[in-house]
Amino acid sequence: MTEPVETRLSRRRRLLLVFVLAVVGGLTAVAALCPDCLEADRFRRWGYVGVFLAAFLGSSTVIFPVPHLAFTFAMGAVLSPLLVGIVAGVGDTLGELWGYLLGYSLESKLRSMRIFPQVCRWMERNGAATLFVLALFPVPFFDVAGLVGGSMSFPVWKFLGATWLGKTLKALIFAWGGYHSLNWFLG
């Protein structure tokens, strides 16, 4: 006798929740307990791989802010700002997938958040535009949109596409800003 589909789905969501919480909790613990582990110098030696890792880790912590845009800004002056922006955008987007998965796992629990109904209305009207616009701003508010997107089972390909466009544009602005301002300042 097979178990109902709802039970299997519920079990999968619980397992996914445990996995996502372990990864996000571990990354957040590293960021909080070992700030030296996230020093820019460690990533700078790795070039574009360091840019990717800093952006990925910076957006993977969900709600706990890690200032990876400052690193993108600085690396824009050292490496090609175009490539820094693109690589940081990819890393930032993939890191946000953890928030999406957390939202997917916690769908019923998130409805009690005060901000949930408003973000939910934005996502229902035009989810891709909401994600794109929120991804442009360097504030942790995007994490809420990622959680809501996951809880609504917003198509993951749309989530990744809209997030990548917004995060990459933001990273390009920061990288070019670093290129122009730091090179001007340093002579």
N, C-alpha and C. Protein backbone atom coordinates (compact mmCIF):
# COMPACT_ATOMS: atom_id res chain seq x y z
N MET A 1 0.83 -1.18 0.00
CA MET A 1 0.00 0.00 0.00
C MET A 1 0.88 1.25 0.00
N THR A 2 0.59 2.17 -0.88
CA THR A 2 1.40 3.38 -0.97
C THR A 2 0.79 4.48 -0.11
N GLU A 3 1.67 5.37 0.35
CA GLU A 3 1.19 6.48 1.15
C GLU A 3 0.65 7.58 0.25
N PRO A 4 -0.25 8.40 0.75
CA PRO A 4 -0.82 9.47 -0.07
C PRO A 4 0.25 10.44 -0.56
N VAL A 5 -0.02 11.06 -1.70
CA VAL A 5 0.92 12.00 -2.29
C VAL A 5 1.20 13.15 -1.34
N GLU A 6 0.19 13.65 -0.64
CA GLU A 6 0.36 14.76 0.29
C GLU A 6 1.35 14.41 1.39
N THR A 7 1.32 13.19 1.90
CA THR A 7 2.24 12.77 2.94
C THR A 7 3.66 12.72 2.42
N ARG A 8 3.83 12.18 1.21
CA ARG A 8 5.17 12.14 0.62
C ARG A 8 5.70 13.54 0.38
N LEU A 9 4.84 14.43 -0.12
CA LEU A 9 5.25 15.80 -0.37
C LEU A 9 5.61 16.49 0.94
N SER A 10 4.80 16.27 1.95
CA SER A 10 5.07 16.87 3.25
C SER A 10 6.40 16.36 3.80
N ARG A 11 6.67 15.07 3.65
CA ARG A 11 7.93 14.51 4.12
C ARG A 11 9.10 15.11 3.34
N ARG A 12 8.95 15.26 2.02
CA ARG A 12 10.01 15.88 1.21
C ARG A 12 10.27 17.31 1.65
N ARG A 13 9.21 18.06 1.92
CA ARG A 13 9.38 19.45 2.36
C ARG A 13 10.08 19.51 3.71
N ARG A 14 9.75 18.59 4.60
CA ARG A 14 10.43 18.57 5.90
C ARG A 14 11.91 18.24 5.74
N LEU A 15 12.22 17.28 4.89
CA LEU A 15 13.62 16.94 4.65
C LEU A 15 14.36 18.11 4.00
N LEU A 16 13.72 18.75 3.03
CA LEU A 16 14.32 19.92 2.40
C LEU A 16 14.53 21.02 3.42
N LEU A 17 13.58 21.23 4.31
CA LEU A 17 13.70 22.24 5.34
C LEU A 17 14.91 21.96 6.23
N VAL A 18 15.07 20.73 6.66
CA VAL A 18 16.20 20.36 7.51
C VAL A 18 17.52 20.63 6.77
N PHE A 19 17.59 20.24 5.51
CA PHE A 19 18.80 20.45 4.71
C PHE A 19 19.09 21.94 4.54
N VAL A 20 18.09 22.71 4.14
CA VAL A 20 18.29 24.14 3.91
C VAL A 20 18.66 24.84 5.21
N LEU A 21 17.98 24.51 6.31
CA LEU A 21 18.32 25.13 7.59
C LEU A 21 19.74 24.78 8.02
N ALA A 22 20.17 23.58 7.76
CA ALA A 22 21.54 23.18 8.10
C ALA A 22 22.56 24.00 7.30
N VAL A 23 22.33 24.15 6.00
CA VAL A 23 23.27 24.90 5.16
C VAL A 23 23.25 26.38 5.53
N VAL A 24 22.04 26.97 5.57
CA VAL A 24 21.93 28.40 5.88
C VAL A 24 22.40 28.67 7.30
N GLY A 25 22.03 27.81 8.24
CA GLY A 25 22.50 27.98 9.61
C GLY A 25 24.01 27.88 9.73
N GLY A 26 24.59 26.94 9.00
CA GLY A 26 26.05 26.81 9.01
C GLY A 26 26.74 28.03 8.42
N LEU A 27 26.24 28.52 7.30
CA LEU A 27 26.83 29.71 6.69
C LEU A 27 26.66 30.94 7.57
N THR A 28 25.51 31.07 8.20
CA THR A 28 25.26 32.19 9.10
C THR A 28 26.15 32.10 10.33
N ALA A 29 26.33 30.91 10.85
CA ALA A 29 27.21 30.72 12.01
C ALA A 29 28.65 31.09 11.66
N VAL A 30 29.10 30.70 10.48
CA VAL A 30 30.46 31.06 10.05
C VAL A 30 30.58 32.58 9.96
N ALA A 31 29.58 33.22 9.37
CA ALA A 31 29.61 34.68 9.22
C ALA A 31 29.60 35.37 10.57
N ALA A 32 28.83 34.85 11.52
CA ALA A 32 28.70 35.50 12.82
C ALA A 32 29.87 35.18 13.76
N LEU A 33 30.31 33.93 13.76
CA LEU A 33 31.32 33.51 14.73
C LEU A 33 32.76 33.63 14.23
N CYS A 34 32.92 33.72 12.93
CA CYS A 34 34.26 33.78 12.37
C CYS A 34 34.33 34.85 11.28
N PRO A 35 34.18 36.13 11.65
CA PRO A 35 34.20 37.16 10.62
C PRO A 35 35.53 37.21 9.86
N ASP A 36 36.62 36.75 10.49
CA ASP A 36 37.91 36.72 9.80
C ASP A 36 37.90 35.73 8.63
N CYS A 37 37.02 34.71 8.71
CA CYS A 37 36.91 33.74 7.63
C CYS A 37 36.39 34.38 6.35
N LEU A 38 35.66 35.49 6.50
CA LEU A 38 35.07 36.17 5.35
C LEU A 38 35.84 37.43 4.97
N GLU A 39 37.09 37.54 5.40
CA GLU A 39 37.91 38.70 5.05
C GLU A 39 38.07 38.82 3.55
N ALA A 40 38.01 40.05 3.08
CA ALA A 40 38.11 40.31 1.65
C ALA A 40 39.45 39.82 1.08
N ASP A 41 40.51 39.90 1.87
CA ASP A 41 41.83 39.48 1.36
C ASP A 41 41.85 38.02 0.96
N ARG A 42 41.12 37.20 1.68
CA ARG A 42 41.07 35.77 1.35
C ARG A 42 40.46 35.55 -0.03
N PHE A 43 39.39 36.31 -0.32
CA PHE A 43 38.71 36.17 -1.59
C PHE A 43 39.46 36.89 -2.71
N ARG A 44 40.11 37.98 -2.40
CA ARG A 44 40.82 38.78 -3.40
C ARG A 44 41.89 37.95 -4.12
N ARG A 45 42.55 37.09 -3.38
CA ARG A 45 43.60 36.25 -3.98
C ARG A 45 43.04 35.31 -5.04
N TRP A 46 41.77 35.02 -4.95
CA TRP A 46 41.16 34.08 -5.88
C TRP A 46 40.55 34.75 -7.09
N GLY A 47 40.63 36.05 -7.20
CA GLY A 47 40.13 36.77 -8.36
C GLY A 47 38.63 36.62 -8.55
N TYR A 48 38.24 36.21 -9.75
CA TYR A 48 36.81 36.10 -10.06
C TYR A 48 36.13 35.00 -9.26
N VAL A 49 36.84 33.94 -8.95
CA VAL A 49 36.28 32.89 -8.10
C VAL A 49 35.97 33.48 -6.71
N GLY A 50 36.86 34.34 -6.23
CA GLY A 50 36.63 35.01 -4.95
C GLY A 50 35.43 35.94 -5.00
N VAL A 51 35.24 36.63 -6.13
CA VAL A 51 34.07 37.49 -6.31
C VAL A 51 32.81 36.65 -6.25
N PHE A 52 32.80 35.53 -6.96
CA PHE A 52 31.65 34.63 -6.96
C PHE A 52 31.37 34.12 -5.54
N LEU A 53 32.39 33.63 -4.86
CA LEU A 53 32.20 33.07 -3.52
C LEU A 53 31.72 34.12 -2.52
N ALA A 54 32.28 35.32 -2.59
CA ALA A 54 31.86 36.38 -1.67
C ALA A 54 30.39 36.73 -1.90
N ALA A 55 29.99 36.83 -3.16
CA ALA A 55 28.58 37.15 -3.47
C ALA A 55 27.67 36.00 -3.07
N PHE A 56 28.09 34.78 -3.37
CA PHE A 56 27.28 33.60 -3.02
C PHE A 56 27.09 33.50 -1.51
N LEU A 57 28.19 33.59 -0.77
CA LEU A 57 28.10 33.49 0.69
C LEU A 57 27.35 34.68 1.28
N GLY A 58 27.54 35.84 0.70
CA GLY A 58 26.87 37.04 1.20
C GLY A 58 25.36 36.96 1.09
N SER A 59 24.86 36.32 0.08
CA SER A 59 23.41 36.23 -0.08
C SER A 59 22.84 34.90 0.41
N SER A 60 23.68 33.98 0.79
CA SER A 60 23.22 32.68 1.28
C SER A 60 22.80 32.70 2.74
N THR A 61 23.18 33.71 3.46
CA THR A 61 22.93 33.70 4.90
C THR A 61 21.48 33.97 5.25
N VAL A 62 20.66 34.48 4.35
CA VAL A 62 19.23 34.74 4.52
C VAL A 62 18.98 35.57 5.79
N ILE A 63 18.65 36.79 5.61
CA ILE A 63 18.31 37.77 6.64
C ILE A 63 19.56 38.35 7.33
N PHE A 64 20.57 37.56 7.63
CA PHE A 64 21.78 38.05 8.31
C PHE A 64 22.66 38.72 7.25
N PRO A 65 22.81 40.04 7.29
CA PRO A 65 23.54 40.74 6.21
C PRO A 65 25.05 40.52 6.26
N VAL A 66 25.61 40.17 5.14
CA VAL A 66 27.05 40.10 4.95
C VAL A 66 27.38 41.09 3.83
N PRO A 67 28.25 42.07 4.09
CA PRO A 67 28.46 43.18 3.13
C PRO A 67 29.32 42.80 1.92
N HIS A 68 28.80 41.95 1.08
CA HIS A 68 29.57 41.50 -0.07
C HIS A 68 29.61 42.55 -1.18
N LEU A 69 28.70 43.51 -1.18
CA LEU A 69 28.73 44.55 -2.21
C LEU A 69 29.95 45.47 -2.07
N ALA A 70 30.43 45.63 -0.85
CA ALA A 70 31.66 46.40 -0.64
C ALA A 70 32.83 45.70 -1.33
N PHE A 71 32.84 44.40 -1.27
CA PHE A 71 33.88 43.62 -1.93
C PHE A 71 33.75 43.74 -3.45
N THR A 72 32.53 43.67 -3.96
CA THR A 72 32.29 43.84 -5.39
C THR A 72 32.77 45.22 -5.83
N PHE A 73 32.48 46.23 -5.03
CA PHE A 73 32.92 47.60 -5.29
C PHE A 73 34.45 47.66 -5.40
N ALA A 74 35.13 47.08 -4.41
CA ALA A 74 36.59 47.11 -4.40
C ALA A 74 37.19 46.29 -5.54
N MET A 75 36.63 45.14 -5.83
CA MET A 75 37.17 44.29 -6.88
C MET A 75 36.94 44.88 -8.26
N GLY A 76 35.95 45.76 -8.40
CA GLY A 76 35.74 46.45 -9.66
C GLY A 76 36.92 47.32 -10.04
N ALA A 77 37.67 47.79 -9.04
CA ALA A 77 38.85 48.61 -9.30
C ALA A 77 40.06 47.76 -9.63
N VAL A 78 40.06 46.50 -9.26
CA VAL A 78 41.22 45.62 -9.43
C VAL A 78 41.10 44.76 -10.69
N LEU A 79 39.90 44.25 -10.94
CA LEU A 79 39.66 43.38 -12.08
C LEU A 79 38.75 44.10 -13.08
N SER A 80 38.36 43.42 -14.13
CA SER A 80 37.44 43.99 -15.10
C SER A 80 36.08 44.22 -14.43
N PRO A 81 35.60 45.47 -14.35
CA PRO A 81 34.33 45.72 -13.68
C PRO A 81 33.16 45.02 -14.36
N LEU A 82 33.22 44.84 -15.65
CA LEU A 82 32.16 44.13 -16.36
C LEU A 82 32.07 42.68 -15.89
N LEU A 83 33.22 42.00 -15.86
CA LEU A 83 33.23 40.60 -15.42
C LEU A 83 32.94 40.47 -13.93
N VAL A 84 33.43 41.41 -13.14
CA VAL A 84 33.14 41.38 -11.70
C VAL A 84 31.64 41.48 -11.48
N GLY A 85 30.97 42.39 -12.19
CA GLY A 85 29.53 42.55 -12.05
C GLY A 85 28.77 41.31 -12.46
N ILE A 86 29.16 40.71 -13.56
CA ILE A 86 28.47 39.50 -14.04
C ILE A 86 28.68 38.33 -13.08
N VAL A 87 29.92 38.13 -12.66
CA VAL A 87 30.24 37.01 -11.77
C VAL A 87 29.56 37.21 -10.41
N ALA A 88 29.60 38.44 -9.89
CA ALA A 88 28.94 38.72 -8.61
C ALA A 88 27.42 38.53 -8.73
N GLY A 89 26.85 38.91 -9.87
CA GLY A 89 25.42 38.72 -10.09
C GLY A 89 25.03 37.26 -10.08
N VAL A 90 25.85 36.42 -10.70
CA VAL A 90 25.57 34.97 -10.71
C VAL A 90 25.70 34.40 -9.30
N GLY A 91 26.76 34.75 -8.59
CA GLY A 91 26.95 34.25 -7.23
C GLY A 91 25.84 34.71 -6.29
N ASP A 92 25.48 35.97 -6.40
CA ASP A 92 24.41 36.53 -5.57
C ASP A 92 23.08 35.82 -5.84
N THR A 93 22.78 35.59 -7.10
CA THR A 93 21.53 34.92 -7.48
C THR A 93 21.48 33.49 -6.96
N LEU A 94 22.55 32.75 -7.15
CA LEU A 94 22.56 31.37 -6.67
C LEU A 94 22.48 31.30 -5.15
N GLY A 95 23.06 32.27 -4.47
CA GLY A 95 22.95 32.32 -3.01
C GLY A 95 21.51 32.57 -2.56
N GLU A 96 20.78 33.38 -3.32
CA GLU A 96 19.38 33.67 -2.98
C GLU A 96 18.48 32.44 -3.14
N LEU A 97 18.94 31.44 -3.86
CA LEU A 97 18.16 30.22 -4.02
C LEU A 97 17.89 29.55 -2.67
N TRP A 98 18.79 29.73 -1.69
CA TRP A 98 18.57 29.14 -0.36
C TRP A 98 17.34 29.74 0.29
N GLY A 99 17.14 31.05 0.14
CA GLY A 99 15.94 31.68 0.69
C GLY A 99 14.69 31.19 0.01
N TYR A 100 14.76 31.01 -1.30
CA TYR A 100 13.63 30.47 -2.06
C TYR A 100 13.28 29.07 -1.55
N LEU A 101 14.29 28.22 -1.39
CA LEU A 101 14.05 26.85 -0.91
C LEU A 101 13.52 26.84 0.52
N LEU A 102 14.00 27.77 1.34
CA LEU A 102 13.50 27.87 2.70
C LEU A 102 12.03 28.27 2.68
N GLY A 103 11.67 29.22 1.82
CA GLY A 103 10.28 29.62 1.68
C GLY A 103 9.41 28.47 1.19
N TYR A 104 9.92 27.70 0.25
CA TYR A 104 9.19 26.54 -0.26
C TYR A 104 8.92 25.55 0.86
N SER A 105 9.91 25.35 1.71
CA SER A 105 9.78 24.38 2.81
C SER A 105 8.85 24.87 3.91
N LEU A 106 8.78 26.17 4.10
CA LEU A 106 8.02 26.74 5.22
C LEU A 106 6.73 27.41 4.79
N GLU A 107 6.21 27.06 3.62
CA GLU A 107 5.11 27.81 3.02
C GLU A 107 4.01 28.18 4.00
N SER A 108 3.51 27.28 4.79
CA SER A 108 2.38 27.60 5.68
C SER A 108 2.82 28.46 6.87
N LYS A 109 4.04 28.34 7.30
CA LYS A 109 4.53 29.09 8.46
C LYS A 109 4.75 30.57 8.12
N LEU A 110 5.08 30.88 6.88
CA LEU A 110 5.40 32.25 6.50
C LEU A 110 4.17 33.15 6.44
N ARG A 111 3.02 32.59 6.33
CA ARG A 111 1.80 33.39 6.20
C ARG A 111 1.56 34.25 7.43
N SER A 112 2.18 33.93 8.55
CA SER A 112 1.99 34.71 9.77
C SER A 112 2.89 35.96 9.81
N MET A 113 3.83 36.08 8.89
CA MET A 113 4.69 37.28 8.83
C MET A 113 3.84 38.49 8.46
N ARG A 114 4.06 39.61 9.13
CA ARG A 114 3.27 40.81 8.85
C ARG A 114 3.42 41.30 7.43
N ILE A 115 4.61 41.18 6.88
CA ILE A 115 4.86 41.72 5.54
C ILE A 115 4.43 40.75 4.44
N PHE A 116 4.17 39.51 4.80
CA PHE A 116 3.85 38.48 3.81
C PHE A 116 2.70 38.86 2.88
N PRO A 117 1.55 39.36 3.39
CA PRO A 117 0.43 39.65 2.47
C PRO A 117 0.79 40.69 1.40
N GLN A 118 1.54 41.72 1.78
CA GLN A 118 1.90 42.75 0.81
C GLN A 118 2.82 42.20 -0.27
N VAL A 119 3.87 41.52 0.13
CA VAL A 119 4.81 40.96 -0.84
C VAL A 119 4.11 39.90 -1.69
N CYS A 120 3.21 39.15 -1.07
CA CYS A 120 2.44 38.14 -1.80
C CYS A 120 1.60 38.79 -2.89
N ARG A 121 0.96 39.93 -2.57
CA ARG A 121 0.16 40.64 -3.59
C ARG A 121 1.06 41.11 -4.73
N TRP A 122 2.23 41.63 -4.40
CA TRP A 122 3.17 42.07 -5.46
C TRP A 122 3.57 40.89 -6.33
N MET A 123 3.85 39.77 -5.68
CA MET A 123 4.30 38.58 -6.43
C MET A 123 3.16 38.03 -7.30
N GLU A 124 1.93 38.08 -6.81
CA GLU A 124 0.80 37.60 -7.59
C GLU A 124 0.54 38.48 -8.81
N ARG A 125 0.69 39.81 -8.63
CA ARG A 125 0.46 40.73 -9.75
C ARG A 125 1.52 40.55 -10.83
N ASN A 126 2.77 40.63 -10.43
CA ASN A 126 3.86 40.48 -11.38
C ASN A 126 5.13 40.07 -10.62
N GLY A 127 5.24 38.78 -10.40
CA GLY A 127 6.34 38.25 -9.60
C GLY A 127 7.72 38.56 -10.15
N ALA A 128 7.90 38.43 -11.46
CA ALA A 128 9.22 38.67 -12.05
C ALA A 128 9.63 40.13 -11.87
N ALA A 129 8.71 41.05 -12.10
CA ALA A 129 9.02 42.48 -11.94
C ALA A 129 9.32 42.80 -10.47
N THR A 130 8.56 42.21 -9.57
CA THR A 130 8.79 42.42 -8.13
C THR A 130 10.19 41.97 -7.75
N LEU A 131 10.56 40.77 -8.18
CA LEU A 131 11.89 40.24 -7.87
C LEU A 131 12.98 41.10 -8.48
N PHE A 132 12.79 41.51 -9.73
CA PHE A 132 13.79 42.34 -10.40
C PHE A 132 14.01 43.65 -9.65
N VAL A 133 12.92 44.34 -9.32
CA VAL A 133 13.04 45.64 -8.66
C VAL A 133 13.66 45.49 -7.27
N LEU A 134 13.21 44.51 -6.50
CA LEU A 134 13.76 44.32 -5.16
C LEU A 134 15.22 43.88 -5.20
N ALA A 135 15.61 43.17 -6.24
CA ALA A 135 17.00 42.72 -6.37
C ALA A 135 17.94 43.89 -6.67
N LEU A 136 17.41 44.98 -7.16
CA LEU A 136 18.24 46.15 -7.48
C LEU A 136 18.75 46.89 -6.25
N PHE A 137 18.06 46.73 -5.14
CA PHE A 137 18.41 47.51 -3.96
C PHE A 137 19.25 46.69 -2.98
N PRO A 138 20.30 47.29 -2.43
CA PRO A 138 21.18 46.57 -1.50
C PRO A 138 20.63 46.54 -0.08
N VAL A 139 19.46 45.95 0.07
CA VAL A 139 18.84 45.81 1.40
C VAL A 139 18.40 44.36 1.57
N PRO A 140 18.32 43.88 2.81
CA PRO A 140 17.92 42.49 3.02
C PRO A 140 16.44 42.22 2.73
N PHE A 141 15.68 43.23 2.30
CA PHE A 141 14.26 43.04 2.01
C PHE A 141 14.06 42.00 0.90
N PHE A 142 15.04 41.84 0.04
CA PHE A 142 14.91 40.84 -1.03
C PHE A 142 14.73 39.44 -0.45
N ASP A 143 15.34 39.18 0.70
CA ASP A 143 15.21 37.86 1.31
C ASP A 143 13.75 37.51 1.56
N VAL A 144 12.95 38.51 1.94
CA VAL A 144 11.52 38.27 2.17
C VAL A 144 10.86 37.87 0.85
N ALA A 145 11.21 38.56 -0.23
CA ALA A 145 10.63 38.23 -1.54
C ALA A 145 11.03 36.82 -1.96
N GLY A 146 12.26 36.42 -1.68
CA GLY A 146 12.69 35.05 -1.98
C GLY A 146 11.92 34.02 -1.19
N LEU A 147 11.71 34.30 0.10
CA LEU A 147 10.93 33.40 0.94
C LEU A 147 9.49 33.29 0.43
N VAL A 148 8.90 34.45 0.09
CA VAL A 148 7.53 34.46 -0.41
C VAL A 148 7.44 33.74 -1.75
N GLY A 149 8.41 33.99 -2.64
CA GLY A 149 8.42 33.31 -3.94
C GLY A 149 8.46 31.80 -3.78
N GLY A 150 9.29 31.32 -2.88
CA GLY A 150 9.36 29.88 -2.63
C GLY A 150 8.07 29.35 -2.03
N SER A 151 7.51 30.10 -1.09
CA SER A 151 6.28 29.63 -0.44
C SER A 151 5.11 29.59 -1.40
N MET A 152 5.14 30.45 -2.44
CA MET A 152 4.07 30.48 -3.44
C MET A 152 4.34 29.50 -4.58
N SER A 153 5.47 28.81 -4.51
CA SER A 153 5.91 27.91 -5.59
C SER A 153 6.01 28.68 -6.92
N PHE A 154 6.51 29.92 -6.81
CA PHE A 154 6.79 30.72 -8.01
C PHE A 154 7.78 29.92 -8.85
N PRO A 155 7.59 29.83 -10.16
CA PRO A 155 8.50 29.01 -10.97
C PRO A 155 9.98 29.39 -10.75
N VAL A 156 10.78 28.39 -10.45
CA VAL A 156 12.18 28.64 -10.09
C VAL A 156 12.95 29.29 -11.24
N TRP A 157 12.64 28.96 -12.48
CA TRP A 157 13.36 29.56 -13.60
C TRP A 157 13.04 31.05 -13.70
N LYS A 158 11.80 31.43 -13.39
CA LYS A 158 11.46 32.85 -13.39
C LYS A 158 12.13 33.55 -12.21
N PHE A 159 12.16 32.87 -11.07
CA PHE A 159 12.83 33.42 -9.89
C PHE A 159 14.30 33.70 -10.21
N LEU A 160 14.98 32.70 -10.77
CA LEU A 160 16.39 32.86 -11.07
C LEU A 160 16.63 33.92 -12.14
N GLY A 161 15.80 33.95 -13.17
CA GLY A 161 15.98 34.93 -14.25
C GLY A 161 15.80 36.36 -13.78
N ALA A 162 14.70 36.64 -13.08
CA ALA A 162 14.44 38.00 -12.61
C ALA A 162 15.46 38.42 -11.56
N THR A 163 15.81 37.50 -10.67
CA THR A 163 16.79 37.79 -9.64
C THR A 163 18.15 38.07 -10.27
N TRP A 164 18.54 37.26 -11.24
CA TRP A 164 19.84 37.45 -11.88
C TRP A 164 19.91 38.81 -12.59
N LEU A 165 18.86 39.19 -13.28
CA LEU A 165 18.88 40.49 -13.96
C LEU A 165 19.06 41.63 -12.95
N GLY A 166 18.28 41.63 -11.88
CA GLY A 166 18.38 42.69 -10.89
C GLY A 166 19.69 42.67 -10.14
N LYS A 167 20.11 41.49 -9.68
CA LYS A 167 21.36 41.38 -8.92
C LYS A 167 22.58 41.72 -9.78
N THR A 168 22.55 41.32 -11.04
CA THR A 168 23.68 41.61 -11.93
C THR A 168 23.76 43.10 -12.24
N LEU A 169 22.63 43.72 -12.50
CA LEU A 169 22.64 45.16 -12.74
C LEU A 169 23.17 45.90 -11.52
N LYS A 170 22.72 45.52 -10.33
CA LYS A 170 23.21 46.13 -9.10
C LYS A 170 24.72 45.90 -8.94
N ALA A 171 25.18 44.68 -9.18
CA ALA A 171 26.61 44.37 -9.05
C ALA A 171 27.43 45.15 -10.08
N LEU A 172 26.90 45.30 -11.29
CA LEU A 172 27.61 46.08 -12.31
C LEU A 172 27.75 47.54 -11.88
N ILE A 173 26.71 48.09 -11.31
CA ILE A 173 26.77 49.48 -10.82
C ILE A 173 27.83 49.61 -9.74
N PHE A 174 27.85 48.66 -8.81
CA PHE A 174 28.85 48.71 -7.73
C PHE A 174 30.26 48.50 -8.27
N ALA A 175 30.43 47.55 -9.18
CA ALA A 175 31.77 47.28 -9.74
C ALA A 175 32.28 48.48 -10.54
N TRP A 176 31.44 49.06 -11.38
CA TRP A 176 31.85 50.23 -12.15
C TRP A 176 32.08 51.42 -11.22
N GLY A 177 31.27 51.54 -10.19
CA GLY A 177 31.49 52.60 -9.20
C GLY A 177 32.84 52.46 -8.53
N GLY A 178 33.21 51.23 -8.18
CA GLY A 178 34.51 50.98 -7.59
C GLY A 178 35.64 51.27 -8.56
N TYR A 179 35.45 50.87 -9.80
CA TYR A 179 36.46 51.10 -10.83
C TYR A 179 36.74 52.60 -10.99
N HIS A 180 35.68 53.37 -11.13
CA HIS A 180 35.85 54.80 -11.37
C HIS A 180 36.28 55.56 -10.12
N SER A 181 35.68 55.28 -8.99
CA SER A 181 36.01 56.07 -7.80
C SER A 181 37.34 55.69 -7.18
N LEU A 182 37.62 54.39 -7.06
CA LEU A 182 38.88 53.99 -6.45
C LEU A 182 40.06 54.32 -7.35
N ASN A 183 39.92 54.12 -8.66
CA ASN A 183 41.01 54.47 -9.57
C ASN A 183 41.22 55.99 -9.61
N TRP A 184 40.16 56.76 -9.51
CA TRP A 184 40.30 58.21 -9.46
C TRP A 184 40.97 58.63 -8.16
N PHE A 185 40.54 58.02 -7.04
CA PHE A 185 41.06 58.37 -5.72
C PHE A 185 42.54 57.97 -5.57
N LEU A 186 42.87 56.80 -6.06
CA LEU A 186 44.24 56.30 -5.92
C LEU A 186 45.18 56.86 -6.99
N GLY A 187 44.62 57.53 -7.95
CA GLY A 187 45.44 58.19 -8.96
C GLY A 187 45.65 57.34 -10.12
